[in-house]
C-alpha atoms as a PDB file:
ATOM      1  CA  UNK A   1      11.044  -0.109   5.422  1.00  0.00           C
ATOM      2  CA  UNK A   2      12.359   3.367   4.540  1.00  0.00           C
ATOM      3  CA  UNK A   3      10.512   6.881   4.882  1.00  0.00           C
ATOM      4  CA  UNK A   4      11.788   6.787   1.300  1.00  0.00           C
ATOM      5  CA  UNK A   5      10.751   4.268   0.247  1.00  0.00           C
ATOM      6  CA  UNK A   6       7.419   4.618   0.916  1.00  0.00           C
ATOM      7  CA  UNK A   7       7.058   8.364  -0.322  1.00  0.00           C
ATOM      8  CA  UNK A   8       8.104   6.497  -3.694  1.00  0.00           C
ATOM      9  CA  UNK A   9       5.099   4.002  -3.769  1.00  0.00           C
ATOM     10  CA  UNK A  10       2.844   7.001  -2.934  1.00  0.00           C
ATOM     11  CA  UNK A  11       4.145   9.032  -5.461  1.00  0.00           C
ATOM     12  CA  UNK A  12       1.840   9.204  -8.353  1.00  0.00           C
ATOM     13  CA  UNK A  13       5.164  10.742 -10.715  1.00  0.00           C
ATOM     14  CA  UNK A  14       6.898   7.403 -10.537  1.00  0.00           C
ATOM     15  CA  UNK A  15       5.868   4.247 -11.231  1.00  0.00           C
ATOM     16  CA  UNK A  16       7.029   2.192  -8.046  1.00  0.00           C
ATOM     17  CA  UNK A  17       6.950  -1.730  -8.037  1.00  0.00           C
ATOM     18  CA  UNK A  18       6.906  -3.618  -3.803  1.00  0.00           C
ATOM     19  CA  UNK A  19       5.843  -7.355  -3.357  1.00  0.00           C
ATOM     20  CA  UNK A  20       2.971  -8.709  -1.645  1.00  0.00           C
ATOM     21  CA  UNK A  21       4.948  -9.008   1.294  1.00  0.00           C
ATOM     22  CA  UNK A  22       5.969  -5.404   1.725  1.00  0.00           C
ATOM     23  CA  UNK A  23       1.955  -4.318   1.565  1.00  0.00           C
ATOM     24  CA  UNK A  24       1.318  -7.100   4.290  1.00  0.00           C
ATOM     25  CA  UNK A  25       3.349  -5.513   6.495  1.00  0.00           C
ATOM     26  CA  UNK A  26       2.200  -1.718   5.699  1.00  0.00           C
ATOM     27  CA  UNK A  27      -1.578  -3.632   6.401  1.00  0.00           C
ATOM     28  CA  UNK A  28       0.157  -4.730   9.974  1.00  0.00           C
ATOM     29  CA  UNK A  29       1.502  -1.165  10.666  1.00  0.00           C
ATOM     30  CA  UNK A  30      -1.964   0.288  10.105  1.00  0.00           C
ATOM     31  CA  UNK A  31      -3.841  -2.320  11.811  1.00  0.00           C
ATOM     32  CA  UNK A  32      -6.076  -3.204   9.083  1.00  0.00           C
ATOM     33  CA  UNK A  33      -6.632  -6.234   7.034  1.00  0.00           C
ATOM     34  CA  UNK A  34      -4.654  -6.813   3.507  1.00  0.00           C
ATOM     35  CA  UNK A  35      -7.871  -7.402   1.223  1.00  0.00           C
ATOM     36  CA  UNK A  36      -9.036  -3.544   2.788  1.00  0.00           C
ATOM     37  CA  UNK A  37      -5.818  -2.441  -0.356  1.00  0.00           C
ATOM     38  CA  UNK A  38      -8.189  -4.254  -3.067  1.00  0.00           C
ATOM     39  CA  UNK A  39     -11.423  -3.261  -2.070  1.00  0.00           C
ATOM     40  CA  UNK A  40     -13.404  -0.992  -4.176  1.00  0.00           C
ATOM     41  CA  UNK A  41     -16.071   1.545  -3.171  1.00  0.00           C
ATOM     42  CA  UNK A  42     -19.229   0.943  -4.891  1.00  0.00           C
ATOM     43  CA  UNK A  43     -21.158   3.736  -6.000  1.00  0.00           C
ATOM     44  CA  UNK A  44     -25.046   3.455  -5.331  1.00  0.00           C
END
């Protein structure tokens, strides 16, 4: 996975889609559960 590809994912200017497998690879590198990407903050 290239730095350019990761930059495109993070960019707000360009919509970039990617697979759940790619998301899993990113979660593995960050050492977090993939579910953490889908959590929303609950406001009190």
